[in-house]
Protein backbone atom coordinates (compact mmCIF):
# COMPACT_ATOMS: atom_id res chain seq x y z
CA MET A 1 -0.47 -0.12 -0.34
CA ARG A 2 1.56 3.16 -0.81
CA LEU A 3 -0.92 6.87 0.09
CA THR A 4 -0.80 9.00 -2.74
CA LYS A 5 1.25 12.63 -2.74
CA GLN A 6 -2.17 14.26 -1.64
CA THR A 7 -1.76 12.51 1.96
CA ASN A 8 1.47 12.73 2.33
CA TYR A 9 1.24 16.77 1.82
CA ALA A 10 -2.06 17.21 3.74
CA ILE A 11 0.05 15.25 6.60
CA ARG A 12 3.01 17.63 6.01
CA MET A 13 0.57 20.85 6.05
CA LEU A 14 -0.61 19.87 9.13
CA MET A 15 2.78 19.67 10.61
CA TYR A 16 3.54 22.85 9.51
CA CYS A 17 0.57 24.79 10.54
CA ASP A 18 1.20 23.27 13.56
CA SER A 19 4.41 24.08 14.41
CA ASN A 20 3.83 28.05 13.27
CA ASP A 21 2.78 29.78 15.99
CA GLY A 22 0.43 32.08 13.99
CA LEU A 23 -1.65 32.09 11.03
CA SER A 24 0.32 29.87 7.71
CA ARG A 25 0.46 31.33 4.67
CA VAL A 26 -0.52 28.59 1.80
CA SER A 27 2.05 30.44 -0.87
CA ALA A 28 4.95 29.88 2.21
CA VAL A 29 4.15 26.03 3.33
CA ALA A 30 4.77 25.28 -0.71
CA GLY A 31 7.64 27.59 -0.86
CA PHE A 32 8.64 25.53 1.82
CA TYR A 33 7.43 21.84 -0.21
CA ASP A 34 8.47 23.51 -3.38
CA LEU A 35 5.11 22.70 -4.45
CA SER A 36 2.39 24.59 -6.13
CA GLU A 37 0.16 26.13 -4.24
CA GLN A 38 -2.83 25.10 -7.03
CA PHE A 39 -1.82 21.90 -5.53
CA LEU A 40 -1.52 22.35 -1.43
CA LEU A 41 -5.37 25.02 -2.19
CA LYS A 42 -6.60 21.18 -3.46
CA ILE A 43 -5.70 19.97 -0.35
CA LEU A 44 -6.52 22.80 1.34
CA GLN A 45 -10.34 22.50 0.79
CA VAL A 46 -10.36 18.56 1.51
CA LEU A 47 -9.11 19.22 4.80
CA THR A 48 -10.94 21.88 5.64
CA LYS A 49 -14.09 19.79 4.68
CA ALA A 50 -13.26 17.19 6.89
CA GLY A 51 -12.80 19.82 9.43
CA LEU A 52 -9.29 19.16 9.89
CA MET A 53 -8.37 22.94 8.68
CA GLU A 54 -9.63 26.56 8.57
CA SER A 55 -9.32 29.25 6.57
CA VAL A 56 -8.87 33.18 8.01
CA ARG A 57 -9.88 35.54 5.28
CA GLY A 58 -8.54 39.05 4.62
CA ARG A 59 -5.39 41.16 4.13
CA ASN A 60 -3.59 39.39 7.76
CA GLY A 61 -5.62 35.75 6.73
CA GLY A 62 -3.71 32.62 6.41
CA ILE A 63 -4.41 28.59 7.36
CA ARG A 64 -4.71 27.39 10.71
CA LEU A 65 -5.77 23.74 12.46
CA ALA A 66 -9.31 23.25 12.73
CA ARG A 67 -9.30 22.11 16.08
CA PRO A 68 -5.59 21.26 18.40
CA ALA A 69 -3.11 19.18 17.03
CA SER A 70 -4.08 16.33 19.64
CA GLU A 71 -7.18 15.76 18.90
CA ILE A 72 -6.58 15.65 15.02
CA GLY A 73 -5.55 11.36 14.78
CA LEU A 74 -3.67 10.53 11.78
CA GLY A 75 -5.61 7.92 11.01
CA GLU A 76 -8.26 10.26 10.38
CA VAL A 77 -6.43 12.87 7.88
CA VAL A 78 -5.65 9.57 5.66
CA ARG A 79 -9.28 8.50 5.95
CA ALA A 80 -10.08 11.71 4.46
CA THR A 81 -7.63 12.28 1.91
CA GLU A 82 -7.30 8.79 0.42
CA ASP A 83 -10.21 7.63 -2.12
CA ASN A 84 -9.34 4.14 -2.00
CA PHE A 85 -8.17 1.41 0.22
CA ALA A 86 -9.00 -2.00 -2.61
CA LEU A 87 -5.86 -4.09 -1.59
CA ALA A 88 -7.24 -5.94 -4.30
CA GLU A 89 -9.98 -6.55 -6.44
CA CYS A 90 -12.23 -8.22 -4.65
CA PHE A 91 -12.67 -5.32 -2.15
CA GLU A 92 -13.34 -2.85 -5.32
CA ALA A 93 -17.25 -1.74 -5.68
CA GLY A 94 -18.97 -3.39 -8.73
CA GLU A 95 -18.36 -7.24 -10.15
CA THR A 96 -16.02 -9.91 -9.29
CA VAL A 97 -14.31 -12.16 -11.41
CA CYS A 98 -13.34 -14.35 -8.61
CA PRO A 99 -15.18 -17.51 -8.14
CA LEU A 100 -13.48 -17.57 -4.73
CA VAL A 101 -14.77 -14.15 -3.47
CA THR A 102 -16.96 -15.58 -0.94
CA SER A 103 -14.99 -18.13 0.34
CA CYS A 104 -11.39 -17.28 0.17
CA GLY A 105 -8.99 -16.74 2.84
CA LEU A 106 -6.76 -13.44 1.44
CA ASN A 107 -10.58 -11.72 1.90
CA GLN A 108 -9.86 -11.97 5.90
CA ALA A 109 -6.07 -11.52 5.68
CA LEU A 110 -5.98 -8.66 3.63
CA SER A 111 -9.15 -7.13 5.53
CA GLU A 112 -7.14 -7.50 9.29
CA ALA A 113 -3.95 -6.31 7.53
CA LEU A 114 -6.14 -2.76 7.15
CA ALA A 115 -7.60 -3.01 10.37
CA ALA A 116 -4.34 -3.15 11.40
CA PHE A 117 -2.92 -0.16 9.52
CA PHE A 118 -5.59 2.20 10.63
CA LYS A 119 -5.57 1.25 14.28
CA VAL A 120 -1.95 1.97 14.05
CA LEU A 121 -2.50 5.03 12.39
CA ASP A 122 -5.36 6.11 15.40
CA SER A 123 -3.28 5.89 18.01
CA TYR A 124 -1.13 8.87 17.09
CA THR A 125 -2.45 12.71 16.88
CA LEU A 126 -1.02 15.61 14.98
CA ALA A 127 0.72 16.01 18.12
CA ASP A 128 2.59 12.86 18.37
CA LEU A 129 4.00 14.11 15.19
CA THR A 130 4.99 17.30 16.39
CA ASN A 131 5.51 16.56 19.36
CA ASN A 132 9.36 17.99 19.69
CA GLN A 133 7.53 21.32 17.95
CA ARG A 134 10.90 23.57 19.15
CA ASN A 135 13.51 21.24 17.13
CA LEU A 136 10.27 21.63 13.99
CA HIS A 137 10.38 25.91 14.76
CA VAL A 138 14.06 25.64 13.85
CA LEU A 139 13.78 22.55 10.73
CA LEU A 140 10.72 25.26 9.53
CA GLN A 141 12.69 28.03 9.72
CA LEU A 142 9.36 29.49 11.02
CA ASP A 143 11.25 31.69 13.41
CA ALA A 144 14.40 32.11 12.22
CA SER A 145 15.02 35.46 14.46
CA LYS A 146 14.33 33.69 17.88
CA ASN A 147 17.65 30.79 16.33
CA ILE A 148 16.30 27.95 18.63
CA PRO A 149 19.22 25.68 19.25
CA LEU A 150 18.33 22.18 18.53
CA ASP A 151 19.25 20.65 21.74
CA ALA A 152 17.28 22.65 23.63
């Protein structure tokens, strides 16, 4: 299983915004990750619809987390941004050509694997990913004027 770029950068956008002490700008996030603003705006729409991000309009506007990072589950983000979790043909909607679809042990094994995957993701929050916020500030260069050392 491989997560899409949309999911990858959705998580990274959330991490960026969590590590910033105020509003973030899409242009700054795009510049940091060397991505197009249009791509990030598409992701922002998905995250906003899912209640994970919000935008503030106006001259001093920007984007921010819609909830505290400790309340945003990694599994929730992945579910919101991925379209398909069909690990095999038999998981897809519609008819399958496999005659064993109703009695195949592969279905059970893949279902358990997918459940385990989400169980692990659900055990992490965005705060868990950004728990070393001081280092993220340095790495993301969000507040270079404070010059927070990595070993502080």
